């Protein structure tokens, strides 16, 4: 008689304890790495590095958010002012100080290690995001251990590690990867307190480790991206309190001491910035940034349902399994583990869908809950056998579509077919095809691991090979290179028409952003000055130059594509030859 599980999770029926061995080398590897926590952690770090490092050092600064964050940090290091946040002369108070401190620390460390021109290397500013993404993968594993076995926890962490959205954020010098780390740490600690209460464990001496992690993570999250992390925790608490009609488990988190500790961590900088800027910071960050997202901020408005549509791409390759796990998860919605994870997921997801301003990375802190729920269903082999199984074709469809787009994009922008990427394209398609064809409920692990290899190949293709080669997308790189090659010492530049933050980051904080007339006046003021004139501003530049008697010489002409504006551009570099 087959041995059965005594207590199924996530609404699973009783199943044989020893599943049929699919005989996959990838599955046998999973058996080895899940033999201990040390092996599991080492394996997850290795997978994260393999998935996140392609393109990390070679992709140029991305406009506009990444370049703005990096330039503000660069000015912080240049000025030695670690309280105020500025982009050139303008204040940048949309986000708190946390990410700027972390990026400043990596720049200062790189300079101490004698890295040449560390302040101009964008990958140095990306290091906090890389560390945050790796930490988020490990925190997903740790959080999952409260709900599922070590093996399923590794699968949940791998789903996060390979997800398209986290792969993007790990390569951008922004706040979201570090915020994810803070959210998962806080929710993992909260989950342990809640599940301990549900199991009626001894409440006389609750451990201090859970409150320490929870409140520290909240404090760091507030310093990284403001009060958003409080929304994730708060909505989860409210949802659980409504369902259980009891919230006494919160005392396990030592709220009085915890609130005091959180205030000790966050108040000093908020007091310092209030002393420096008055109410301007709070007006810009709360009113100008957070509350304005209730409307369609910066043309990013979209109707409800967008995040659900994007989920199939942004959470790939875990998305097909998540869909197949959904019926079992819904059946188990009253089980304490599933109840907590759904309270983490559903209320915040509804809020994001209801808010008009929508950007893909907003829902990233909810993906670990989906990964853990999915891993629980995979562990108990209760994935749907209905029409949802057809979604397994998505494991092949995404590599196929991404490969076609990458090659076509390379041909259109560089006139080169990216032959170096073709072996990786073939490998990605093969592993994606295996994941699709070999899928059934008893081989879900095998299919997922094949899809993870396909995701690794896809990262090499897109981030490691194709994107760095698309030089027309990054005209600021060519402009900065041209200015470095001039014969005079200490060149100064003014840009008309092309005002991307990456240009300021690469050419210097003193770069003047103006119009055509202003660029002509700028050239007249001295030697070793250059005007970077976008084609649409040339007419006003020429007219002003003629009016003031400026003689100029046309140097390099750079053709490119302004992705932020969605149009082709042509930039000419002018140099003064005196006045008539």
Protein backbone atom coordinates (compact mmCIF):
# COMPACT_ATOMS: atom_id res chain seq x y z
CA UNK A 1 0.00 0.00 0.00
CA UNK A 2 1.41 3.38 -1.01
CA UNK A 3 2.39 5.70 1.82
CA UNK A 4 0.43 8.95 1.88
CA UNK A 5 0.83 12.43 3.27
CA UNK A 6 -1.01 12.80 6.57
CA UNK A 7 -1.78 16.49 6.12
CA UNK A 8 -2.03 17.82 2.56
CA UNK A 9 -1.29 21.49 1.95
CA UNK A 10 -2.95 23.97 -0.38
CA UNK A 11 -6.03 21.73 -0.68
CA UNK A 12 -4.17 18.74 -2.14
CA UNK A 13 -5.77 15.28 -2.33
CA UNK A 14 -3.81 12.39 -0.87
CA UNK A 15 -1.02 11.36 -3.20
CA UNK A 16 1.71 8.68 -3.12
CA UNK A 17 4.70 9.95 -1.18
CA UNK A 18 7.26 8.57 -3.62
CA UNK A 19 6.53 10.05 -7.05
CA UNK A 20 7.76 8.44 -10.22
CA UNK A 21 11.36 9.46 -10.89
CA UNK A 22 11.35 11.33 -14.19
CA UNK A 23 15.04 10.48 -14.63
CA UNK A 24 16.15 13.99 -15.48
CA UNK A 25 19.70 15.07 -14.73
CA UNK A 26 18.35 18.50 -13.72
CA UNK A 27 16.03 16.86 -11.18
CA UNK A 28 18.88 14.75 -9.79
CA UNK A 29 20.88 17.96 -9.43
CA UNK A 30 17.98 19.40 -7.44
CA UNK A 31 18.12 16.33 -5.17
CA UNK A 32 21.79 17.07 -4.45
CA UNK A 33 21.49 20.81 -3.79
CA UNK A 34 18.49 20.45 -1.47
CA UNK A 35 20.30 18.02 0.82
CA UNK A 36 21.23 20.91 3.13
CA UNK A 37 20.53 24.60 3.59
CA UNK A 38 24.15 25.51 2.83
CA UNK A 39 24.02 23.74 -0.53
CA UNK A 40 20.66 25.30 -1.34
CA UNK A 41 21.88 28.82 -0.57
CA UNK A 42 25.11 28.35 -2.54
CA UNK A 43 23.15 26.97 -5.49
CA UNK A 44 20.70 29.88 -5.46
CA UNK A 45 23.52 32.45 -5.33
CA UNK A 46 25.22 30.73 -8.27
CA UNK A 47 21.98 30.69 -10.28
CA UNK A 48 21.33 34.34 -9.47
CA UNK A 49 24.79 35.36 -10.67
CA UNK A 50 24.42 33.35 -13.88
CA UNK A 51 21.04 34.93 -14.59
CA UNK A 52 21.78 38.51 -13.51
CA UNK A 53 25.35 39.12 -14.70
CA UNK A 54 24.92 38.88 -18.51
CA UNK A 55 24.94 42.50 -19.68
CA UNK A 56 25.36 43.87 -16.17
CA UNK A 57 28.73 45.46 -16.97
CA UNK A 58 28.18 46.21 -20.66
CA UNK A 59 24.70 47.71 -21.01
CA UNK A 60 25.08 51.54 -21.09
CA UNK A 61 23.09 53.84 -18.77
CA UNK A 62 19.37 53.49 -19.43
CA UNK A 63 17.23 56.59 -19.72
CA UNK A 64 15.52 57.94 -17.91
CA UNK A 65 15.10 56.67 -14.35
CA UNK A 66 18.38 54.79 -14.02
CA UNK A 67 20.45 57.68 -15.35
CA UNK A 68 18.66 60.12 -13.04
CA UNK A 69 19.36 58.00 -9.97
CA UNK A 70 23.00 57.53 -10.97
CA UNK A 71 23.55 61.22 -11.72
CA UNK A 72 22.00 62.29 -8.41
CA UNK A 73 24.30 59.85 -6.60
CA UNK A 74 27.29 61.08 -8.60
CA UNK A 75 26.56 64.66 -7.53
CA UNK A 76 26.22 63.49 -3.94
CA UNK A 77 29.72 61.98 -4.10
CA UNK A 78 31.13 65.03 -5.90
CA UNK A 79 29.72 67.50 -3.40
CA UNK A 80 30.11 65.41 -0.25
CA UNK A 81 26.52 66.34 0.70
CA UNK A 82 24.82 63.09 1.74
CA UNK A 83 21.58 64.69 2.92
CA UNK A 84 20.27 66.66 -0.07
CA UNK A 85 19.32 64.98 -3.38
CA UNK A 86 19.78 66.91 -6.62
CA UNK A 87 19.93 66.45 -10.37
CA UNK A 88 22.14 69.33 -11.50
CA UNK A 89 20.53 72.35 -9.80
CA UNK A 90 17.09 70.81 -9.46
CA UNK A 91 16.04 69.03 -6.28
CA UNK A 92 15.11 65.37 -6.67
CA UNK A 93 12.79 64.60 -3.77
CA UNK A 94 10.63 61.88 -5.29
CA UNK A 95 12.37 59.09 -3.35
CA UNK A 96 14.10 59.05 0.05
CA UNK A 97 17.83 58.80 0.57
CA UNK A 98 18.36 55.05 0.99
CA UNK A 99 19.27 54.03 -2.55
CA UNK A 100 21.55 57.06 -2.97
CA UNK A 101 23.47 56.12 0.17
CA UNK A 102 23.91 52.55 -1.06
CA UNK A 103 25.05 53.68 -4.51
CA UNK A 104 27.38 56.27 -2.98
CA UNK A 105 28.93 53.56 -0.83
CA UNK A 106 29.66 51.38 -3.87
CA UNK A 107 31.15 54.33 -5.78
CA UNK A 108 33.34 55.30 -2.82
CA UNK A 109 34.43 51.67 -2.34
CA UNK A 110 35.29 51.33 -6.04
CA UNK A 111 37.33 54.53 -5.88
CA UNK A 112 39.19 53.29 -2.80
CA UNK A 113 40.00 50.10 -4.73
CA UNK A 114 41.56 52.33 -7.45
CA UNK A 115 39.00 51.47 -10.12
CA UNK A 116 39.68 53.99 -12.93
CA UNK A 117 36.85 56.51 -13.42
CA UNK A 118 34.60 54.61 -11.01
CA UNK A 119 32.14 57.52 -10.94
CA UNK A 120 31.46 57.10 -14.68
CA UNK A 121 30.95 53.33 -14.66
CA UNK A 122 27.23 52.69 -14.51
CA UNK A 123 27.68 49.11 -13.30
CA UNK A 124 29.13 50.45 -10.04
CA UNK A 125 25.82 52.21 -9.38
CA UNK A 126 23.98 48.99 -10.25
CA UNK A 127 25.69 46.92 -7.55
CA UNK A 128 23.06 47.67 -4.86
CA UNK A 129 20.37 46.43 -7.25
CA UNK A 130 22.37 43.26 -7.94
CA UNK A 131 22.87 42.63 -4.22
CA UNK A 132 19.20 43.41 -3.60
CA UNK A 133 18.05 40.98 -6.28
CA UNK A 134 20.30 38.18 -4.97
CA UNK A 135 19.14 38.94 -1.43
CA UNK A 136 15.51 38.85 -2.55
CA UNK A 137 16.04 35.39 -4.06
CA UNK A 138 17.56 34.15 -0.79
CA UNK A 139 14.81 35.82 1.25
CA UNK A 140 12.19 34.13 -0.93
CA UNK A 141 13.83 30.80 -0.06
CA UNK A 142 13.84 31.73 3.64
CA UNK A 143 10.23 32.95 3.60
CA UNK A 144 9.10 29.84 1.70
CA UNK A 145 10.57 27.55 4.36
CA UNK A 146 7.74 28.66 6.63
CA UNK A 147 5.20 27.20 4.20
CA UNK A 148 6.77 24.36 2.22
CA UNK A 149 9.68 21.93 2.27
CA UNK A 150 13.26 22.88 1.46
CA UNK A 151 12.92 21.46 -2.04
CA UNK A 152 9.80 23.51 -2.80
CA UNK A 153 11.43 26.58 -1.22
CA UNK A 154 14.32 26.24 -3.68
CA UNK A 155 11.83 25.99 -6.55
CA UNK A 156 10.06 29.16 -5.35
CA UNK A 157 13.37 31.01 -5.15
CA UNK A 158 14.35 29.78 -8.61
CA UNK A 159 11.08 31.07 -10.05
CA UNK A 160 11.88 34.50 -8.63
CA UNK A 161 15.49 34.28 -9.77
CA UNK A 162 14.54 33.55 -13.37
CA UNK A 163 11.56 35.91 -13.58
CA UNK A 164 11.88 38.44 -16.36
CA UNK A 165 10.92 41.39 -14.16
CA UNK A 166 13.51 40.71 -11.46
CA UNK A 167 16.14 40.15 -14.17
CA UNK A 168 15.44 43.63 -15.49
CA UNK A 169 15.49 45.31 -12.07
CA UNK A 170 18.73 43.55 -11.08
CA UNK A 171 20.44 45.40 -13.96
CA UNK A 172 19.07 48.88 -13.24
CA UNK A 173 20.46 51.36 -10.72
CA UNK A 174 17.04 52.00 -9.16
CA UNK A 175 15.13 51.28 -5.97
CA UNK A 176 12.99 48.28 -6.85
CA UNK A 177 15.34 45.33 -6.33
CA UNK A 178 16.31 46.60 -2.88
CA UNK A 179 12.66 47.30 -2.03
CA UNK A 180 11.83 43.71 -2.99
CA UNK A 181 14.49 42.44 -0.58
CA UNK A 182 12.99 44.51 2.24
CA UNK A 183 9.43 43.42 1.49
CA UNK A 184 10.24 39.71 1.35
CA UNK A 185 12.26 39.92 4.58
CA UNK A 186 9.41 41.71 6.37
CA UNK A 187 6.74 39.37 5.04
CA UNK A 188 8.79 36.29 5.84
CA UNK A 189 9.16 37.41 9.45
CA UNK A 190 5.48 38.30 9.67
CA UNK A 191 4.53 34.91 8.24
CA UNK A 192 6.48 33.08 10.91
CA UNK A 193 4.72 35.04 13.66
CA UNK A 194 1.31 34.39 12.09
CA UNK A 195 1.86 30.67 11.47
CA UNK A 196 3.25 30.24 14.97
CA UNK A 197 0.04 31.76 16.34
CA UNK A 198 -2.08 29.54 14.11
CA UNK A 199 -0.26 26.47 15.44
CA UNK A 200 -0.87 27.67 19.02
CA UNK A 201 2.83 27.50 19.85
CA UNK A 202 4.12 28.74 23.20
CA UNK A 203 3.55 32.49 23.33
CA UNK A 204 5.27 33.19 26.65
CA UNK A 205 8.70 33.73 25.08
CA UNK A 206 8.32 34.56 21.37
CA UNK A 207 11.70 34.94 19.63
CA UNK A 208 13.19 38.38 19.08
CA UNK A 209 14.56 37.47 15.65
CA UNK A 210 11.21 37.84 13.88
CA UNK A 211 10.47 41.35 15.22
CA UNK A 212 14.08 42.43 14.58
CA UNK A 213 13.90 41.36 10.94
CA UNK A 214 10.39 42.73 10.44
CA UNK A 215 10.90 46.22 11.84
CA UNK A 216 14.40 46.64 10.41
CA UNK A 217 13.14 45.64 6.96
CA UNK A 218 10.27 48.14 7.25
CA UNK A 219 12.69 50.91 8.25
CA UNK A 220 15.10 50.19 5.39
CA UNK A 221 12.17 49.91 2.96
CA UNK A 222 10.92 53.34 4.04
CA UNK A 223 14.37 54.84 3.48
CA UNK A 224 14.51 53.16 0.06
CA UNK A 225 11.09 54.02 -1.35
CA UNK A 226 9.01 55.75 1.27
CA UNK A 227 5.88 54.34 2.92
CA UNK A 228 5.03 51.89 0.12
CA UNK A 229 6.34 48.93 2.12
CA UNK A 230 3.86 49.80 4.87
CA UNK A 231 1.04 49.26 2.38
CA UNK A 232 2.12 45.66 1.70
CA UNK A 233 2.39 44.83 5.38
CA UNK A 234 -0.67 46.83 6.42
CA UNK A 235 -3.06 45.38 3.84
CA UNK A 236 -1.89 41.88 4.71
CA UNK A 237 -2.56 42.48 8.40
CA UNK A 238 -6.00 43.96 7.70
CA UNK A 239 -6.97 41.08 5.40
CA UNK A 240 -5.89 38.46 7.96
CA UNK A 241 -7.63 40.29 10.80
CA UNK A 242 -10.88 40.35 8.84
CA UNK A 243 -10.69 36.65 7.98
CA UNK A 244 -9.62 35.47 11.45
CA UNK A 245 -11.52 38.12 13.42
CA UNK A 246 -8.41 38.27 15.55
CA UNK A 247 -5.07 40.06 15.26
CA UNK A 248 -3.53 39.11 18.59
CA UNK A 249 -0.68 37.38 16.76
CA UNK A 250 0.77 40.84 16.08
CA UNK A 251 2.05 40.91 19.66
CA UNK A 252 4.60 38.31 18.61
CA UNK A 253 6.19 41.09 16.53
CA UNK A 254 6.72 43.29 19.64
CA UNK A 255 5.00 46.34 18.07
CA UNK A 256 5.89 48.85 20.82
CA UNK A 257 9.62 48.13 20.79
CA UNK A 258 9.52 47.60 17.03
CA UNK A 259 7.96 50.98 16.28
CA UNK A 260 10.53 52.67 18.47
CA UNK A 261 13.36 50.88 16.66
CA UNK A 262 11.93 51.78 13.26
CA UNK A 263 11.68 55.44 14.20
CA UNK A 264 15.27 55.41 15.48
CA UNK A 265 16.38 54.22 12.04
CA UNK A 266 14.28 56.47 9.81
CA UNK A 267 13.79 59.73 11.70
CA UNK A 268 17.37 61.13 11.62
CA UNK A 269 17.45 61.61 7.87
CA UNK A 270 13.86 62.84 7.67
CA UNK A 271 14.66 65.44 10.33
CA UNK A 272 17.85 66.40 8.47
CA UNK A 273 16.09 66.85 5.12
CA UNK A 274 13.27 68.80 6.78
CA UNK A 275 15.89 71.04 8.38
CA UNK A 276 17.53 71.50 4.95
CA UNK A 277 14.54 71.76 2.62
CA UNK A 278 11.56 72.44 4.84
CA UNK A 279 8.30 71.00 3.54
CA UNK A 280 9.61 70.71 -0.04
CA UNK A 281 10.72 67.10 0.33
CA UNK A 282 7.40 65.90 1.74
CA UNK A 283 5.44 67.92 -0.81
CA UNK A 284 7.41 66.43 -3.71
CA UNK A 285 7.69 62.84 -2.47
CA UNK A 286 4.21 62.39 -0.98
CA UNK A 287 2.15 64.87 -2.97
CA UNK A 288 4.16 65.15 -6.17
CA UNK A 289 5.10 61.49 -6.55
CA UNK A 290 3.08 59.05 -4.46
CA UNK A 291 -0.36 60.69 -4.47
CA UNK A 292 -0.06 61.78 -8.10
CA UNK A 293 0.10 58.09 -9.07
CA UNK A 294 -3.60 57.92 -8.32
CA UNK A 295 -3.89 59.71 -11.64
CA UNK A 296 -2.11 58.94 -14.91
CA UNK A 297 1.34 60.22 -13.92
CA UNK A 298 3.88 60.87 -16.69
CA UNK A 299 1.64 59.32 -19.38
CA UNK A 300 1.79 55.93 -17.65
CA UNK A 301 -1.95 55.57 -17.21
CA UNK A 302 -3.60 52.26 -18.07
CA UNK A 303 -6.90 50.49 -17.33
CA UNK A 304 -7.33 47.71 -14.74
CA UNK A 305 -6.11 44.32 -15.89
CA UNK A 306 -2.77 45.49 -17.27
CA UNK A 307 -0.73 43.76 -14.55
CA UNK A 308 -2.56 40.49 -15.12
CA UNK A 309 -1.80 40.72 -18.84
CA UNK A 310 1.87 41.56 -18.21
CA UNK A 311 2.19 38.80 -15.63
CA UNK A 312 2.56 36.12 -18.33
CA UNK A 313 5.73 37.82 -19.53
CA UNK A 314 7.14 39.42 -16.38
CA UNK A 315 6.85 36.24 -14.24
CA UNK A 316 7.98 33.88 -17.01
CA UNK A 317 9.04 31.05 -16.72
CA UNK A 318 6.99 30.58 -13.53
CA UNK A 319 3.77 32.00 -15.02
CA UNK A 320 2.47 28.77 -16.70
CA UNK A 321 2.82 26.82 -13.45
CA UNK A 322 1.20 29.66 -11.49
CA UNK A 323 -1.84 29.44 -13.74
CA UNK A 324 -2.03 25.67 -13.29
CA UNK A 325 -1.67 26.07 -9.52
CA UNK A 326 -4.45 28.65 -9.22
CA UNK A 327 -7.41 26.21 -8.80
CA UNK A 328 -5.64 24.25 -6.02
CA UNK A 329 -4.60 27.47 -4.29
CA UNK A 330 -8.19 28.71 -4.35
CA UNK A 331 -9.42 25.44 -2.84
CA UNK A 332 -6.89 25.88 -0.04
CA UNK A 333 -7.68 29.54 0.66
CA UNK A 334 -8.76 28.74 4.26
CA UNK A 335 -5.56 26.84 5.08
CA UNK A 336 -3.36 29.18 7.20
CA UNK A 337 -0.34 29.15 4.86
CA UNK A 338 -2.34 29.84 1.73
CA UNK A 339 -4.46 32.35 3.62
CA UNK A 340 -1.40 34.40 4.56
CA UNK A 341 0.09 34.31 1.07
CA UNK A 342 -3.21 35.32 -0.53
CA UNK A 343 -3.54 38.16 1.99
CA UNK A 344 -0.08 39.30 0.89
CA UNK A 345 -1.01 39.05 -2.77
CA UNK A 346 -4.63 39.94 -3.44
CA UNK A 347 -5.33 43.25 -1.60
CA UNK A 348 -2.18 44.97 -2.88
CA UNK A 349 -2.75 43.62 -6.40
CA UNK A 350 -6.27 45.10 -6.39
CA UNK A 351 -4.86 48.47 -5.29
CA UNK A 352 -2.28 48.48 -8.10
CA UNK A 353 -4.88 47.53 -10.70
CA UNK A 354 -7.20 50.28 -9.44
CA UNK A 355 -4.54 53.03 -9.47
CA UNK A 356 -4.35 54.72 -12.87
CA UNK A 357 -0.56 55.04 -13.02
CA UNK A 358 0.87 51.64 -13.93
CA UNK A 359 4.47 50.55 -14.41
CA UNK A 360 5.42 46.86 -14.60
CA UNK A 361 7.75 46.88 -11.58
CA UNK A 362 5.08 48.09 -9.13
CA UNK A 363 3.79 44.53 -8.52
CA UNK A 364 7.24 42.93 -8.17
CA UNK A 365 6.98 42.69 -4.33
CA UNK A 366 3.91 40.45 -4.79
CA UNK A 367 5.66 37.88 -6.97
CA UNK A 368 7.32 35.96 -4.08
CA UNK A 369 3.86 35.12 -2.72
CA UNK A 370 2.89 33.74 -6.13
CA UNK A 371 6.15 31.77 -6.34
CA UNK A 372 5.61 30.17 -2.91
CA UNK A 373 1.98 29.28 -3.66
CA UNK A 374 3.03 27.76 -6.97
CA UNK A 375 5.88 25.79 -5.39
CA UNK A 376 3.45 24.43 -2.79
CA UNK A 377 1.15 23.15 -5.51
CA UNK A 378 4.08 21.63 -7.42
CA UNK A 379 5.31 19.94 -4.25
CA UNK A 380 1.96 18.21 -3.70
CA UNK A 381 1.33 17.56 -7.39
CA UNK A 382 -2.07 19.24 -7.47
CA UNK A 383 -1.55 21.32 -10.59
CA UNK A 384 -4.59 21.61 -12.81
CA UNK A 385 -5.09 18.93 -15.45
CA UNK A 386 -7.64 21.07 -17.31
CA UNK A 387 -7.25 23.36 -20.30
CA UNK A 388 -4.76 25.37 -18.23
CA UNK A 389 -2.15 22.75 -19.14
CA UNK A 390 -2.06 24.29 -22.59
CA UNK A 391 -0.20 27.18 -21.01
CA UNK A 392 2.90 24.97 -20.92
CA UNK A 393 3.43 26.00 -24.56
CA UNK A 394 4.37 29.42 -23.14
CA UNK A 395 7.73 27.92 -22.11
CA UNK A 396 8.58 27.64 -25.81
CA UNK A 397 6.66 30.66 -27.08
CA UNK A 398 8.59 33.26 -25.05
CA UNK A 399 12.10 32.12 -26.14
CA UNK A 400 10.89 31.92 -29.74
CA UNK A 401 9.33 35.39 -29.71
CA UNK A 402 12.20 36.99 -27.77
CA UNK A 403 14.80 35.48 -30.11
CA UNK A 404 13.00 36.75 -33.19
CA UNK A 405 12.62 40.23 -31.72
CA UNK A 406 16.28 40.33 -30.66
CA UNK A 407 17.61 39.30 -34.09
CA UNK A 408 15.22 41.56 -36.01
CA UNK A 409 16.08 44.48 -33.70
CA UNK A 410 19.79 43.90 -34.22
CA UNK A 411 19.38 43.80 -38.00
CA UNK A 412 17.23 46.95 -38.08
CA UNK A 413 19.48 49.03 -35.82
CA UNK A 414 22.96 47.74 -36.59
CA UNK A 415 22.59 45.91 -39.92
CA UNK A 416 24.15 42.89 -38.20
CA UNK A 417 22.27 39.59 -37.60
CA UNK A 418 23.93 38.95 -34.20
CA UNK A 419 25.45 35.61 -35.21
CA UNK A 420 27.16 35.25 -31.82
CA UNK A 421 23.73 34.91 -30.20
CA UNK A 422 22.49 32.12 -32.48
CA UNK A 423 23.93 29.15 -30.51
CA UNK A 424 22.29 30.50 -27.37
CA UNK A 425 19.05 31.01 -29.30
CA UNK A 426 19.15 27.36 -30.36
CA UNK A 427 19.78 26.23 -26.77
CA UNK A 428 16.97 28.43 -25.45
CA UNK A 429 14.52 27.04 -27.99
CA UNK A 430 15.55 23.44 -27.29
CA UNK A 431 15.18 23.72 -23.52
CA UNK A 432 11.91 25.63 -23.91
CA UNK A 433 10.66 22.90 -26.22
CA UNK A 434 11.66 20.21 -23.72
CA UNK A 435 9.85 22.07 -20.94
CA UNK A 436 6.68 22.12 -23.06
CA UNK A 437 6.74 18.61 -24.52
CA UNK A 438 7.80 16.80 -21.36
CA UNK A 439 5.27 18.46 -19.09
CA UNK A 440 2.76 16.53 -17.03
CA UNK A 441 1.68 16.84 -13.40
CA UNK A 442 4.31 14.37 -12.15
CA UNK A 443 7.08 16.05 -14.16
CA UNK A 444 6.38 19.68 -13.30
CA UNK A 445 9.80 20.05 -11.64
CA UNK A 446 11.52 18.67 -14.72
CA UNK A 447 9.70 21.08 -17.03
CA UNK A 448 10.33 24.06 -14.77
CA UNK A 449 14.07 23.33 -14.56
CA UNK A 450 14.29 23.06 -18.34
CA UNK A 451 12.47 26.38 -18.60
CA UNK A 452 14.97 27.89 -16.17
CA UNK A 453 17.84 26.85 -18.43
CA UNK A 454 15.94 28.41 -21.35
CA UNK A 455 15.66 31.61 -19.28
CA UNK A 456 19.42 31.58 -18.66
CA UNK A 457 20.13 31.26 -22.39
CA UNK A 458 17.65 34.05 -23.07
CA UNK A 459 19.43 36.32 -20.58
CA UNK A 460 22.71 35.77 -22.42
CA UNK A 461 21.03 36.54 -25.75
CA UNK A 462 19.13 39.68 -24.78
CA UNK A 463 21.25 41.26 -22.06
CA UNK A 464 24.68 39.83 -22.76
CA UNK A 465 24.89 40.03 -26.55
CA UNK A 466 22.15 41.91 -28.36
CA UNK A 467 21.31 44.88 -26.11
CA UNK A 468 24.91 46.11 -25.62
CA UNK A 469 25.42 45.93 -29.39
CA UNK A 470 22.50 48.24 -30.16
CA UNK A 471 24.64 51.38 -30.10
CA UNK A 472 22.05 53.60 -31.86
CA UNK A 473 19.88 53.27 -28.74
CA UNK A 474 22.61 54.88 -26.64
CA UNK A 475 23.74 58.10 -28.40
CA UNK A 476 25.03 59.54 -25.11
CA UNK A 477 27.85 57.00 -25.18
CA UNK A 478 29.01 58.18 -28.60
CA UNK A 479 28.74 61.84 -27.61
CA UNK A 480 30.80 61.30 -24.45
CA UNK A 481 33.42 59.38 -26.43
CA UNK A 482 33.66 62.21 -28.98
CA UNK A 483 34.17 64.80 -26.22
CA UNK A 484 36.89 62.68 -24.61
CA UNK A 485 38.80 62.67 -27.88
CA UNK A 486 39.01 66.47 -28.32
CA UNK A 487 42.40 68.15 -28.22
CA UNK A 488 41.63 70.88 -25.67
CA UNK A 489 41.69 70.40 -21.89
CA UNK A 490 38.49 70.39 -19.80
CA UNK A 491 35.84 70.56 -22.53
CA UNK A 492 32.47 72.01 -21.59
CA UNK A 493 29.23 71.18 -23.37
CA UNK A 494 25.72 72.51 -23.88
CA UNK A 495 22.95 70.34 -25.34
CA UNK A 496 19.97 71.59 -27.32
CA UNK A 497 17.07 69.27 -28.09
CA UNK A 498 18.67 66.15 -26.60
CA UNK A 499 18.31 66.39 -22.82
CA UNK A 500 18.49 62.79 -21.64
CA UNK A 501 19.87 62.24 -18.11
CA UNK A 502 22.45 59.77 -19.44
CA UNK A 503 24.09 62.65 -21.32
CA UNK A 504 24.60 64.59 -18.07
CA UNK A 505 25.88 61.47 -16.31
CA UNK A 506 28.45 60.70 -19.01
CA UNK A 507 29.55 64.21 -20.01
CA UNK A 508 29.58 65.90 -16.61
CA UNK A 509 27.31 67.57 -14.09
CA UNK A 510 28.08 71.00 -15.56
CA UNK A 511 26.62 70.10 -18.97
CA UNK A 512 24.11 72.80 -19.85
CA UNK A 513 20.67 71.72 -21.05
CA UNK A 514 19.29 74.53 -23.18
CA UNK A 515 17.77 75.36 -26.57
CA UNK A 516 19.44 76.23 -29.87
CA UNK A 517 19.79 79.94 -29.07
CA UNK A 518 21.19 79.20 -25.64
CA UNK A 519 23.73 76.81 -27.14
CA UNK A 520 25.00 79.53 -29.49
CA UNK A 521 25.38 81.96 -26.59
CA UNK A 522 27.19 79.22 -24.64
CA UNK A 523 29.76 78.75 -27.44
CA UNK A 524 30.46 82.46 -27.52
CA UNK A 525 31.53 82.54 -23.85
CA UNK A 526 34.93 80.86 -24.21
CA UNK A 527 37.18 78.27 -25.78
CA UNK A 528 37.02 74.48 -25.48
CA UNK A 529 33.24 74.63 -25.60
CA UNK A 530 30.99 72.39 -27.63
CA UNK A 531 27.33 72.57 -28.60
CA UNK A 532 25.44 69.29 -28.98
CA UNK A 533 22.61 70.24 -31.33
CA UNK A 534 19.79 67.84 -32.11
CA UNK A 535 18.55 68.24 -35.68
CA UNK A 536 15.27 69.89 -34.71
CA UNK A 537 17.18 72.62 -32.83
CA UNK A 538 19.72 73.41 -35.57
CA UNK A 539 17.67 76.16 -37.16
CA UNK A 540 17.40 78.24 -33.98
CA UNK A 541 21.10 77.61 -33.27
CA UNK A 542 22.17 78.86 -36.72
CA UNK A 543 19.91 81.90 -36.56
CA UNK A 544 21.28 82.93 -33.16
CA UNK A 545 24.87 82.25 -34.23
CA UNK A 546 24.44 84.54 -37.24
CA UNK A 547 22.82 87.22 -35.11
CA UNK A 548 25.74 87.36 -32.65
CA UNK A 549 28.42 86.89 -35.33
CA UNK A 550 29.56 83.50 -34.05
CA UNK A 551 31.84 81.47 -36.28
CA UNK A 552 31.54 77.75 -35.68
CA UNK A 553 32.72 74.45 -37.06
CA UNK A 554 30.66 71.27 -37.44
CA UNK A 555 32.41 68.21 -36.07
CA UNK A 556 31.04 64.74 -35.45
CA UNK A 557 27.46 63.86 -36.40
CA UNK A 558 25.82 61.09 -34.40
CA UNK A 559 22.71 59.29 -35.56
CA UNK A 560 20.69 57.33 -33.07
CA UNK A 561 17.30 56.51 -31.66
CA UNK A 562 15.79 58.22 -28.64
CA UNK A 563 13.89 55.39 -26.99
CA UNK A 564 12.37 57.72 -24.39
CA UNK A 565 10.75 59.82 -27.12
CA UNK A 566 10.25 56.97 -29.58
CA UNK A 567 11.92 58.60 -32.58
CA UNK A 568 15.15 58.67 -34.60
CA UNK A 569 17.50 61.55 -33.84
CA UNK A 570 20.61 63.13 -35.31
CA UNK A 571 22.99 65.16 -33.14
CA UNK A 572 25.77 67.40 -34.44
CA UNK A 573 28.70 68.59 -32.33
CA UNK A 574 29.59 72.25 -33.00
CA UNK A 575 32.73 74.07 -31.86
CA UNK A 576 33.32 77.81 -31.72
CA UNK A 577 35.95 79.42 -33.92
CA UNK A 578 35.51 82.90 -32.44
CA UNK A 579 33.32 85.83 -33.45
CA UNK A 580 33.32 88.10 -36.47
